[in-house]
């Protein structure tokens, strides 16, 4: 058991996030150092403080912090955030956590949609994509999702209110996208990269915005591919492509949480959680996430309360 030093706390892990980024960290450095053989996998974690060497973080507090795939972990008091101890705590991992804030900031602060515009989002049934679509509808936009399989596509339209959904596995992505977005695409929220990104780029409207959130199609291959004629398309169509991570907007955190919480309370947003029990099941659950078996935010419940 690790012991906290001055200014540190010992945290019992309750929930840990599973994200495609876990796989990306194994490939090399990104916005964080690469994960190498022998490292414990980092994760966004929610936990309860069981020992504290900092008066600002009382024992018993529920906190969110960068943790590890482990039952307990240490964190500096200045690197964590105390969150309300109100059930369901899993919401701090989904709608009020990394998934909800990624969708909120990526769409609204980076994509900046206007009412009446068309938004396309890939990996639309995943933890971030399903929220991007729902928030887009709340903002008065037409929303088209790209997902894998007819069942997921039907779910997006019938349960979450997407205007249309396209099965990229059908082999007709360009034609299906053209039919669903006859007026072109104004905002593309990209979670997958690769061939899907290229297909969408050719159908963007003038002054369109591409929100670069992830590239899950490229994380598990030795031969990554990117879109062709990218500089030409950006210039001719005056496109803006911007990458981001959820932690880029600390000054807007309170606004995001208030608005997301209000939308859930008013039943304008559906919270979709996919909870896997047991730390020992984390590797299998990550592999499943990378193959698209989840709907909504996948997380691991490490300890029940």
C-alpha atoms as a PDB file:
ATOM      1  CA  UNK A   1       0.000   0.000   0.000  1.00  0.00           C
ATOM      2  CA  UNK A   2       1.485   3.388  -0.949  1.00  0.00           C
ATOM      3  CA  UNK A   3       1.856   5.934   1.847  1.00  0.00           C
ATOM      4  CA  UNK A   4       1.147   9.634   1.252  1.00  0.00           C
ATOM      5  CA  UNK A   5       3.865  12.192   1.919  1.00  0.00           C
ATOM      6  CA  UNK A   6       3.352  15.852   2.765  1.00  0.00           C
ATOM      7  CA  UNK A   7       0.787  17.429   0.455  1.00  0.00           C
ATOM      8  CA  UNK A   8      -0.405  14.040  -0.818  1.00  0.00           C
ATOM      9  CA  UNK A   9      -3.531  11.952  -0.307  1.00  0.00           C
ATOM     10  CA  UNK A  10      -4.227   8.237  -0.622  1.00  0.00           C
ATOM     11  CA  UNK A  11      -7.299   7.546  -2.727  1.00  0.00           C
ATOM     12  CA  UNK A  12      -9.397   4.404  -2.969  1.00  0.00           C
ATOM     13  CA  UNK A  13     -10.472   3.989  -6.588  1.00  0.00           C
ATOM     14  CA  UNK A  14     -14.230   3.784  -7.108  1.00  0.00           C
ATOM     15  CA  UNK A  15     -14.494   4.245 -10.875  1.00  0.00           C
ATOM     16  CA  UNK A  16     -11.911   4.533 -13.623  1.00  0.00           C
ATOM     17  CA  UNK A  17     -12.431   5.759 -17.134  1.00  0.00           C
ATOM     18  CA  UNK A  18     -11.765   3.629 -20.197  1.00  0.00           C
ATOM     19  CA  UNK A  19     -10.867   5.622 -23.299  1.00  0.00           C
ATOM     20  CA  UNK A  20      -9.411   5.046 -26.739  1.00  0.00           C
ATOM     21  CA  UNK A  21      -6.618   7.345 -25.574  1.00  0.00           C
ATOM     22  CA  UNK A  22      -5.367   4.473 -23.381  1.00  0.00           C
ATOM     23  CA  UNK A  23      -4.380   2.691 -26.596  1.00  0.00           C
ATOM     24  CA  UNK A  24      -2.896   5.830 -28.123  1.00  0.00           C
ATOM     25  CA  UNK A  25      -0.583   6.272 -25.120  1.00  0.00           C
ATOM     26  CA  UNK A  26       0.911   2.854 -25.856  1.00  0.00           C
ATOM     27  CA  UNK A  27       1.854   4.000 -29.375  1.00  0.00           C
ATOM     28  CA  UNK A  28       3.982   6.962 -28.325  1.00  0.00           C
ATOM     29  CA  UNK A  29       3.981  10.364 -26.631  1.00  0.00           C
ATOM     30  CA  UNK A  30       1.030  12.682 -27.238  1.00  0.00           C
ATOM     31  CA  UNK A  31      -0.230  15.283 -24.787  1.00  0.00           C
ATOM     32  CA  UNK A  32       1.296  12.993 -22.151  1.00  0.00           C
ATOM     33  CA  UNK A  33       4.319  10.694 -22.012  1.00  0.00           C
ATOM     34  CA  UNK A  34       4.109   7.340 -23.738  1.00  0.00           C
ATOM     35  CA  UNK A  35       3.223   4.219 -21.762  1.00  0.00           C
ATOM     36  CA  UNK A  36       6.008   1.614 -21.867  1.00  0.00           C
ATOM     37  CA  UNK A  37       6.283  -1.989 -20.737  1.00  0.00           C
ATOM     38  CA  UNK A  38       6.175  -2.199 -16.960  1.00  0.00           C
ATOM     39  CA  UNK A  39       4.165   0.989 -16.414  1.00  0.00           C
ATOM     40  CA  UNK A  40       0.831   0.945 -14.637  1.00  0.00           C
ATOM     41  CA  UNK A  41      -1.843   2.298 -16.997  1.00  0.00           C
ATOM     42  CA  UNK A  42      -2.876   5.866 -16.110  1.00  0.00           C
ATOM     43  CA  UNK A  43      -6.531   6.773 -16.085  1.00  0.00           C
ATOM     44  CA  UNK A  44      -9.002   9.457 -15.147  1.00  0.00           C
ATOM     45  CA  UNK A  45     -10.324   8.194 -11.828  1.00  0.00           C
ATOM     46  CA  UNK A  46     -12.988   8.921  -9.263  1.00  0.00           C
ATOM     47  CA  UNK A  47     -12.242   7.870  -5.726  1.00  0.00           C
ATOM     48  CA  UNK A  48     -12.609   8.425  -1.994  1.00  0.00           C
ATOM     49  CA  UNK A  49      -9.806   9.828   0.162  1.00  0.00           C
ATOM     50  CA  UNK A  50      -8.790   7.322   2.838  1.00  0.00           C
ATOM     51  CA  UNK A  51      -5.663   9.096   4.117  1.00  0.00           C
ATOM     52  CA  UNK A  52      -4.669  12.740   3.768  1.00  0.00           C
ATOM     53  CA  UNK A  53      -1.505  14.731   4.435  1.00  0.00           C
ATOM     54  CA  UNK A  54      -3.086  17.994   3.299  1.00  0.00           C
ATOM     55  CA  UNK A  55      -5.678  19.874   5.362  1.00  0.00           C
ATOM     56  CA  UNK A  56      -7.501  21.103   2.257  1.00  0.00           C
ATOM     57  CA  UNK A  57      -8.583  17.554   1.369  1.00  0.00           C
ATOM     58  CA  UNK A  58     -10.410  15.869   4.278  1.00  0.00           C
ATOM     59  CA  UNK A  59     -10.570  12.111   4.676  1.00  0.00           C
ATOM     60  CA  UNK A  60     -13.810  10.831   3.136  1.00  0.00           C
ATOM     61  CA  UNK A  61     -13.862  13.369   0.306  1.00  0.00           C
ATOM     62  CA  UNK A  62     -14.879  12.145  -3.150  1.00  0.00           C
ATOM     63  CA  UNK A  63     -12.311  13.380  -5.663  1.00  0.00           C
ATOM     64  CA  UNK A  64     -11.503  13.177  -9.347  1.00  0.00           C
ATOM     65  CA  UNK A  65      -7.849  12.940 -10.329  1.00  0.00           C
ATOM     66  CA  UNK A  66      -5.427  11.274 -12.673  1.00  0.00           C
ATOM     67  CA  UNK A  67      -5.094   7.839 -11.182  1.00  0.00           C
ATOM     68  CA  UNK A  68      -3.910   4.381 -12.152  1.00  0.00           C
ATOM     69  CA  UNK A  69      -5.384   1.008 -12.968  1.00  0.00           C
ATOM     70  CA  UNK A  70      -5.139   0.082  -9.288  1.00  0.00           C
ATOM     71  CA  UNK A  71      -7.248  -0.240  -6.165  1.00  0.00           C
ATOM     72  CA  UNK A  72      -5.480   2.696  -4.496  1.00  0.00           C
ATOM     73  CA  UNK A  73      -3.270   5.499  -5.768  1.00  0.00           C
ATOM     74  CA  UNK A  74      -1.506   8.627  -4.514  1.00  0.00           C
ATOM     75  CA  UNK A  75      -2.201  12.155  -5.760  1.00  0.00           C
ATOM     76  CA  UNK A  76      -0.948  15.617  -4.918  1.00  0.00           C
ATOM     77  CA  UNK A  77      -3.686  17.642  -3.248  1.00  0.00           C
ATOM     78  CA  UNK A  78      -3.172  20.405  -5.807  1.00  0.00           C
ATOM     79  CA  UNK A  79      -3.759  18.002  -8.702  1.00  0.00           C
ATOM     80  CA  UNK A  80      -7.197  16.746  -7.719  1.00  0.00           C
ATOM     81  CA  UNK A  81     -10.668  18.171  -7.419  1.00  0.00           C
ATOM     82  CA  UNK A  82     -13.249  17.500  -4.718  1.00  0.00           C
ATOM     83  CA  UNK A  83     -16.663  16.751  -6.226  1.00  0.00           C
ATOM     84  CA  UNK A  84     -20.110  16.603  -4.594  1.00  0.00           C
ATOM     85  CA  UNK A  85     -20.725  13.326  -2.762  1.00  0.00           C
ATOM     86  CA  UNK A  86     -24.132  12.905  -4.379  1.00  0.00           C
ATOM     87  CA  UNK A  87     -25.347   9.741  -6.125  1.00  0.00           C
ATOM     88  CA  UNK A  88     -25.006   8.534  -8.740  1.00  0.00           C
ATOM     89  CA  UNK A  89     -21.266   9.049  -8.402  1.00  0.00           C
ATOM     90  CA  UNK A  90     -20.804   7.490 -11.853  1.00  0.00           C
ATOM     91  CA  UNK A  91     -22.143  10.734 -13.356  1.00  0.00           C
ATOM     92  CA  UNK A  92     -18.854  12.374 -12.372  1.00  0.00           C
ATOM     93  CA  UNK A  93     -17.216   9.920 -14.764  1.00  0.00           C
ATOM     94  CA  UNK A  94     -19.708  10.347 -17.611  1.00  0.00           C
ATOM     95  CA  UNK A  95     -21.865  13.416 -18.112  1.00  0.00           C
ATOM     96  CA  UNK A  96     -20.090  15.597 -15.497  1.00  0.00           C
ATOM     97  CA  UNK A  97     -16.673  14.080 -16.153  1.00  0.00           C
ATOM     98  CA  UNK A  98     -14.306  13.649 -19.046  1.00  0.00           C
ATOM     99  CA  UNK A  99     -16.930  12.453 -21.539  1.00  0.00           C
ATOM    100  CA  UNK A 100     -19.445  15.221 -20.927  1.00  0.00           C
ATOM    101  CA  UNK A 101     -16.825  17.981 -20.876  1.00  0.00           C
ATOM    102  CA  UNK A 102     -15.112  16.678 -24.007  1.00  0.00           C
ATOM    103  CA  UNK A 103     -18.415  16.741 -25.874  1.00  0.00           C
ATOM    104  CA  UNK A 104     -19.439  20.121 -24.455  1.00  0.00           C
ATOM    105  CA  UNK A 105     -16.181  22.001 -25.024  1.00  0.00           C
ATOM    106  CA  UNK A 106     -15.360  20.309 -28.311  1.00  0.00           C
ATOM    107  CA  UNK A 107     -18.692  21.107 -29.895  1.00  0.00           C
ATOM    108  CA  UNK A 108     -19.498  24.486 -28.368  1.00  0.00           C
ATOM    109  CA  UNK A 109     -16.053  26.083 -27.835  1.00  0.00           C
ATOM    110  CA  UNK A 110     -14.264  24.583 -30.854  1.00  0.00           C
ATOM    111  CA  UNK A 111     -17.009  23.708 -33.345  1.00  0.00           C
ATOM    112  CA  UNK A 112     -19.186  26.726 -32.525  1.00  0.00           C
ATOM    113  CA  UNK A 113     -22.350  25.509 -34.275  1.00  0.00           C
ATOM    114  CA  UNK A 114     -25.150  27.852 -35.227  1.00  0.00           C
ATOM    115  CA  UNK A 115     -28.844  26.928 -35.196  1.00  0.00           C
ATOM    116  CA  UNK A 116     -29.856  25.375 -38.493  1.00  0.00           C
ATOM    117  CA  UNK A 117     -26.390  24.057 -39.346  1.00  0.00           C
ATOM    118  CA  UNK A 118     -25.598  20.392 -40.014  1.00  0.00           C
ATOM    119  CA  UNK A 119     -23.333  18.550 -37.576  1.00  0.00           C
ATOM    120  CA  UNK A 120     -21.788  15.163 -38.331  1.00  0.00           C
ATOM    121  CA  UNK A 121     -20.182  13.161 -35.534  1.00  0.00           C
ATOM    122  CA  UNK A 122     -18.246   9.889 -35.867  1.00  0.00           C
ATOM    123  CA  UNK A 123     -18.181   7.137 -33.227  1.00  0.00           C
ATOM    124  CA  UNK A 124     -21.612   8.559 -32.522  1.00  0.00           C
ATOM    125  CA  UNK A 125     -22.725   5.790 -30.166  1.00  0.00           C
ATOM    126  CA  UNK A 126     -19.644   6.162 -27.979  1.00  0.00           C
ATOM    127  CA  UNK A 127     -19.106   8.054 -24.758  1.00  0.00           C
ATOM    128  CA  UNK A 128     -18.474  11.431 -26.394  1.00  0.00           C
ATOM    129  CA  UNK A 129     -20.273  11.062 -29.705  1.00  0.00           C
ATOM    130  CA  UNK A 130     -23.727  10.389 -28.296  1.00  0.00           C
ATOM    131  CA  UNK A 131     -23.491  13.556 -26.178  1.00  0.00           C
ATOM    132  CA  UNK A 132     -22.213  15.659 -29.077  1.00  0.00           C
ATOM    133  CA  UNK A 133     -25.314  14.678 -31.026  1.00  0.00           C
ATOM    134  CA  UNK A 134     -27.696  15.386 -28.174  1.00  0.00           C
ATOM    135  CA  UNK A 135     -26.112  18.769 -27.430  1.00  0.00           C
ATOM    136  CA  UNK A 136     -26.194  19.630 -31.128  1.00  0.00           C
ATOM    137  CA  UNK A 137     -29.952  19.001 -31.178  1.00  0.00           C
ATOM    138  CA  UNK A 138     -30.375  21.199 -28.102  1.00  0.00           C
ATOM    139  CA  UNK A 139     -28.640  23.986 -30.011  1.00  0.00           C
ATOM    140  CA  UNK A 140     -31.092  23.735 -32.929  1.00  0.00           C
ATOM    141  CA  UNK A 141     -28.846  21.895 -35.373  1.00  0.00           C
ATOM    142  CA  UNK A 142     -29.431  18.972 -37.702  1.00  0.00           C
ATOM    143  CA  UNK A 143     -27.335  16.041 -36.442  1.00  0.00           C
ATOM    144  CA  UNK A 144     -26.077  13.035 -38.395  1.00  0.00           C
ATOM    145  CA  UNK A 145     -24.172  10.258 -36.636  1.00  0.00           C
ATOM    146  CA  UNK A 146     -21.697   7.742 -38.055  1.00  0.00           C
ATOM    147  CA  UNK A 147     -21.604   4.435 -36.173  1.00  0.00           C
ATOM    148  CA  UNK A 148     -20.901   0.752 -36.698  1.00  0.00           C
ATOM    149  CA  UNK A 149     -23.923  -1.464 -37.363  1.00  0.00           C
ATOM    150  CA  UNK A 150     -27.583  -0.985 -38.204  1.00  0.00           C
ATOM    151  CA  UNK A 151     -28.655  -1.578 -34.597  1.00  0.00           C
ATOM    152  CA  UNK A 152     -26.542   1.300 -33.255  1.00  0.00           C
ATOM    153  CA  UNK A 153     -27.754   3.561 -36.032  1.00  0.00           C
ATOM    154  CA  UNK A 154     -31.397   2.844 -35.226  1.00  0.00           C
ATOM    155  CA  UNK A 155     -30.724   3.475 -31.544  1.00  0.00           C
ATOM    156  CA  UNK A 156     -29.186   6.878 -32.270  1.00  0.00           C
ATOM    157  CA  UNK A 157     -32.222   8.000 -34.229  1.00  0.00           C
ATOM    158  CA  UNK A 158     -35.006   6.379 -32.225  1.00  0.00           C
ATOM    159  CA  UNK A 159     -33.641   6.788 -28.691  1.00  0.00           C
ATOM    160  CA  UNK A 160     -31.360   9.818 -28.799  1.00  0.00           C
ATOM    161  CA  UNK A 161     -33.096  11.939 -31.421  1.00  0.00           C
ATOM    162  CA  UNK A 162     -30.431  12.104 -34.130  1.00  0.00           C
ATOM    163  CA  UNK A 163     -31.870  13.191 -37.476  1.00  0.00           C
ATOM    164  CA  UNK A 164     -30.029  10.409 -39.298  1.00  0.00           C
ATOM    165  CA  UNK A 165     -27.342   7.798 -38.683  1.00  0.00           C
ATOM    166  CA  UNK A 166     -25.010   6.101 -41.152  1.00  0.00           C
ATOM    167  CA  UNK A 167     -23.515   2.624 -40.798  1.00  0.00           C
ATOM    168  CA  UNK A 168     -19.903   2.950 -41.895  1.00  0.00           C
ATOM    169  CA  UNK A 169     -19.683  -0.854 -42.091  1.00  0.00           C
ATOM    170  CA  UNK A 170     -22.145  -0.919 -45.003  1.00  0.00           C
ATOM    171  CA  UNK A 171     -19.385   0.086 -47.411  1.00  0.00           C
ATOM    172  CA  UNK A 172     -21.246   3.097 -48.842  1.00  0.00           C
ATOM    173  CA  UNK A 173     -20.095   5.865 -46.511  1.00  0.00           C
ATOM    174  CA  UNK A 174     -19.597   8.569 -49.149  1.00  0.00           C
ATOM    175  CA  UNK A 175     -22.917   7.932 -50.876  1.00  0.00           C
ATOM    176  CA  UNK A 176     -24.866   7.524 -47.616  1.00  0.00           C
ATOM    177  CA  UNK A 177     -23.320  10.691 -46.176  1.00  0.00           C
ATOM    178  CA  UNK A 178     -24.162  12.615 -49.337  1.00  0.00           C
ATOM    179  CA  UNK A 179     -27.785  11.493 -49.079  1.00  0.00           C
ATOM    180  CA  UNK A 180     -28.060  12.340 -45.373  1.00  0.00           C
ATOM    181  CA  UNK A 181     -26.329  15.734 -45.745  1.00  0.00           C
ATOM    182  CA  UNK A 182     -27.712  17.051 -49.023  1.00  0.00           C
ATOM    183  CA  UNK A 183     -26.903  20.609 -47.966  1.00  0.00           C
ATOM    184  CA  UNK A 184     -23.333  19.776 -46.990  1.00  0.00           C
ATOM    185  CA  UNK A 185     -21.677  19.639 -43.567  1.00  0.00           C
ATOM    186  CA  UNK A 186     -20.942  22.657 -41.398  1.00  0.00           C
ATOM    187  CA  UNK A 187     -19.358  21.027 -38.333  1.00  0.00           C
ATOM    188  CA  UNK A 188     -17.636  17.645 -38.211  1.00  0.00           C
ATOM    189  CA  UNK A 189     -16.756  16.250 -34.783  1.00  0.00           C
ATOM    190  CA  UNK A 190     -14.058  13.697 -35.556  1.00  0.00           C
ATOM    191  CA  UNK A 191     -13.400  10.814 -33.196  1.00  0.00           C
ATOM    192  CA  UNK A 192     -11.960   8.321 -35.685  1.00  0.00           C
ATOM    193  CA  UNK A 193      -9.638   9.961 -38.247  1.00  0.00           C
ATOM    194  CA  UNK A 194      -8.449   7.983 -41.267  1.00  0.00           C
ATOM    195  CA  UNK A 195     -10.754   7.191 -44.172  1.00  0.00           C
ATOM    196  CA  UNK A 196     -13.835   8.557 -42.420  1.00  0.00           C
ATOM    197  CA  UNK A 197     -12.197  11.945 -41.941  1.00  0.00           C
ATOM    198  CA  UNK A 198     -11.220  12.050 -45.620  1.00  0.00           C
ATOM    199  CA  UNK A 199     -14.754  11.160 -46.723  1.00  0.00           C
ATOM    200  CA  UNK A 200     -16.298  13.891 -44.607  1.00  0.00           C
ATOM    201  CA  UNK A 201     -13.771  16.551 -45.658  1.00  0.00           C
ATOM    202  CA  UNK A 202     -14.873  16.321 -49.291  1.00  0.00           C
ATOM    203  CA  UNK A 203     -18.441  17.160 -48.234  1.00  0.00           C
ATOM    204  CA  UNK A 204     -17.722  20.100 -45.936  1.00  0.00           C
ATOM    205  CA  UNK A 205     -19.327  23.463 -46.666  1.00  0.00           C
ATOM    206  CA  UNK A 206     -17.391  26.691 -47.047  1.00  0.00           C
ATOM    207  CA  UNK A 207     -16.054  27.907 -43.696  1.00  0.00           C
ATOM    208  CA  UNK A 208     -16.772  24.528 -42.135  1.00  0.00           C
ATOM    209  CA  UNK A 209     -15.199  23.523 -38.825  1.00  0.00           C
ATOM    210  CA  UNK A 210     -13.577  20.169 -38.070  1.00  0.00           C
ATOM    211  CA  UNK A 211     -13.250  19.366 -34.374  1.00  0.00           C
ATOM    212  CA  UNK A 212     -10.336  16.938 -33.957  1.00  0.00           C
ATOM    213  CA  UNK A 213     -11.075  14.946 -30.801  1.00  0.00           C
ATOM    214  CA  UNK A 214      -9.555  11.537 -31.542  1.00  0.00           C
ATOM    215  CA  UNK A 215      -8.460   9.056 -34.202  1.00  0.00           C
ATOM    216  CA  UNK A 216      -9.552   5.681 -32.903  1.00  0.00           C
ATOM    217  CA  UNK A 217      -9.270   4.040 -36.324  1.00  0.00           C
ATOM    218  CA  UNK A 218      -5.512   4.717 -36.263  1.00  0.00           C
ATOM    219  CA  UNK A 219      -4.578   3.654 -32.736  1.00  0.00           C
ATOM    220  CA  UNK A 220      -4.373  -0.081 -33.354  1.00  0.00           C
ATOM    221  CA  UNK A 221      -2.616  -0.221 -36.720  1.00  0.00           C
ATOM    222  CA  UNK A 222       1.022  -0.178 -37.849  1.00  0.00           C
ATOM    223  CA  UNK A 223       0.042   1.611 -41.066  1.00  0.00           C
ATOM    224  CA  UNK A 224      -1.904   4.744 -40.132  1.00  0.00           C
ATOM    225  CA  UNK A 225      -3.536   6.666 -42.967  1.00  0.00           C
ATOM    226  CA  UNK A 226      -4.611  10.274 -43.246  1.00  0.00           C
ATOM    227  CA  UNK A 227      -6.825  12.269 -45.597  1.00  0.00           C
ATOM    228  CA  UNK A 228      -5.541  13.034 -49.097  1.00  0.00           C
ATOM    229  CA  UNK A 229      -5.308  16.575 -50.478  1.00  0.00           C
ATOM    230  CA  UNK A 230      -5.738  17.996 -47.001  1.00  0.00           C
ATOM    231  CA  UNK A 231      -4.011  21.367 -47.587  1.00  0.00           C
ATOM    232  CA  UNK A 232      -5.949  21.923 -50.799  1.00  0.00           C
ATOM    233  CA  UNK A 233      -9.303  21.180 -49.236  1.00  0.00           C
ATOM    234  CA  UNK A 234      -8.630  23.428 -46.259  1.00  0.00           C
ATOM    235  CA  UNK A 235      -7.649  26.332 -48.499  1.00  0.00           C
ATOM    236  CA  UNK A 236     -10.365  26.002 -51.142  1.00  0.00           C
ATOM    237  CA  UNK A 237     -13.161  25.551 -48.618  1.00  0.00           C
ATOM    238  CA  UNK A 238     -11.624  27.881 -45.992  1.00  0.00           C
ATOM    239  CA  UNK A 239     -11.930  25.135 -43.399  1.00  0.00           C
ATOM    240  CA  UNK A 240     -10.790  25.353 -39.796  1.00  0.00           C
ATOM    241  CA  UNK A 241      -9.409  22.198 -38.159  1.00  0.00           C
ATOM    242  CA  UNK A 242      -8.643  22.374 -34.463  1.00  0.00           C
ATOM    243  CA  UNK A 243      -7.553  19.791 -31.969  1.00  0.00           C
ATOM    244  CA  UNK A 244      -8.277  20.000 -28.247  1.00  0.00           C
ATOM    245  CA  UNK A 245      -8.520  18.090 -24.978  1.00  0.00           C
ATOM    246  CA  UNK A 246     -11.167  18.638 -22.323  1.00  0.00           C
ATOM    247  CA  UNK A 247      -8.710  20.195 -19.864  1.00  0.00           C
ATOM    248  CA  UNK A 248      -8.079  23.152 -22.191  1.00  0.00           C
ATOM    249  CA  UNK A 249     -10.955  25.195 -20.785  1.00  0.00           C
ATOM    250  CA  UNK A 250     -10.555  25.462 -16.990  1.00  0.00           C
ATOM    251  CA  UNK A 251     -12.126  28.916 -16.913  1.00  0.00           C
ATOM    252  CA  UNK A 252     -15.357  27.468 -18.315  1.00  0.00           C
ATOM    253  CA  UNK A 253     -15.582  24.332 -16.136  1.00  0.00           C
ATOM    254  CA  UNK A 254     -18.254  25.723 -13.785  1.00  0.00           C
ATOM    255  CA  UNK A 255     -20.448  26.871 -16.670  1.00  0.00           C
ATOM    256  CA  UNK A 256     -20.164  23.494 -18.383  1.00  0.00           C
ATOM    257  CA  UNK A 257     -21.058  21.527 -15.255  1.00  0.00           C
ATOM    258  CA  UNK A 258     -24.029  23.771 -14.455  1.00  0.00           C
ATOM    259  CA  UNK A 259     -25.429  23.536 -17.956  1.00  0.00           C
ATOM    260  CA  UNK A 260     -24.874  19.788 -18.297  1.00  0.00           C
ATOM    261  CA  UNK A 261     -26.432  19.128 -14.885  1.00  0.00           C
ATOM    262  CA  UNK A 262     -29.429  21.303 -15.773  1.00  0.00           C
ATOM    263  CA  UNK A 263     -29.995  19.533 -19.084  1.00  0.00           C
ATOM    264  CA  UNK A 264     -29.969  16.154 -17.325  1.00  0.00           C
ATOM    265  CA  UNK A 265     -32.340  17.349 -14.595  1.00  0.00           C
ATOM    266  CA  UNK A 266     -34.728  18.728 -17.214  1.00  0.00           C
ATOM    267  CA  UNK A 267     -34.474  15.413 -19.132  1.00  0.00           C
ATOM    268  CA  UNK A 268     -33.077  17.147 -22.193  1.00  0.00           C
ATOM    269  CA  UNK A 269     -29.987  14.933 -22.114  1.00  0.00           C
ATOM    270  CA  UNK A 270     -29.927  11.168 -21.675  1.00  0.00           C
ATOM    271  CA  UNK A 271     -26.969   9.785 -19.736  1.00  0.00           C
ATOM    272  CA  UNK A 272     -25.735   6.521 -21.239  1.00  0.00           C
ATOM    273  CA  UNK A 273     -23.296   4.580 -19.051  1.00  0.00           C
ATOM    274  CA  UNK A 274     -21.631   1.223 -19.701  1.00  0.00           C
ATOM    275  CA  UNK A 275     -20.216   0.035 -16.374  1.00  0.00           C
ATOM    276  CA  UNK A 276     -17.916  -3.010 -16.168  1.00  0.00           C
ATOM    277  CA  UNK A 277     -17.397  -4.465 -12.690  1.00  0.00           C
ATOM    278  CA  UNK A 278     -13.955  -5.387 -11.411  1.00  0.00           C
ATOM    279  CA  UNK A 279     -10.432  -4.043 -11.944  1.00  0.00           C
ATOM    280  CA  UNK A 280      -9.408  -7.441 -13.348  1.00  0.00           C
ATOM    281  CA  UNK A 281     -11.802  -6.896 -16.269  1.00  0.00           C
ATOM    282  CA  UNK A 282     -10.268  -3.587 -17.383  1.00  0.00           C
ATOM    283  CA  UNK A 283      -8.046  -5.028 -20.161  1.00  0.00           C
ATOM    284  CA  UNK A 284     -10.905  -6.959 -21.737  1.00  0.00           C
ATOM    285  CA  UNK A 285     -13.182  -3.947 -21.424  1.00  0.00           C
ATOM    286  CA  UNK A 286     -10.635  -1.689 -23.161  1.00  0.00           C
ATOM    287  CA  UNK A 287     -10.245  -4.160 -26.023  1.00  0.00           C
ATOM    288  CA  UNK A 288     -14.029  -4.234 -26.354  1.00  0.00           C
ATOM    289  CA  UNK A 289     -14.204  -0.461 -26.401  1.00  0.00           C
ATOM    290  CA  UNK A 290     -11.628  -0.307 -29.204  1.00  0.00           C
ATOM    291  CA  UNK A 291     -13.736  -2.728 -31.233  1.00  0.00           C
ATOM    292  CA  UNK A 292     -16.867  -0.632 -30.669  1.00  0.00           C
ATOM    293  CA  UNK A 293     -18.895  -2.906 -28.409  1.00  0.00           C
ATOM    294  CA  UNK A 294     -19.920  -0.175 -25.955  1.00  0.00           C
ATOM    295  CA  UNK A 295     -22.741   2.359 -26.019  1.00  0.00           C
ATOM    296  CA  UNK A 296     -22.171   5.518 -24.039  1.00  0.00           C
ATOM    297  CA  UNK A 297     -19.461   6.027 -21.454  1.00  0.00           C
ATOM    298  CA  UNK A 298     -17.551   2.854 -20.620  1.00  0.00           C
ATOM    299  CA  UNK A 299     -15.962   2.772 -17.177  1.00  0.00           C
ATOM    300  CA  UNK A 300     -14.795   0.214 -14.632  1.00  0.00           C
ATOM    301  CA  UNK A 301     -16.332   0.046 -11.168  1.00  0.00           C
ATOM    302  CA  UNK A 302     -13.313  -0.886  -9.054  1.00  0.00           C
ATOM    303  CA  UNK A 303     -15.022  -0.713  -5.636  1.00  0.00           C
ATOM    304  CA  UNK A 304     -18.697  -0.656  -4.704  1.00  0.00           C
ATOM    305  CA  UNK A 305     -19.877   1.641  -1.945  1.00  0.00           C
END
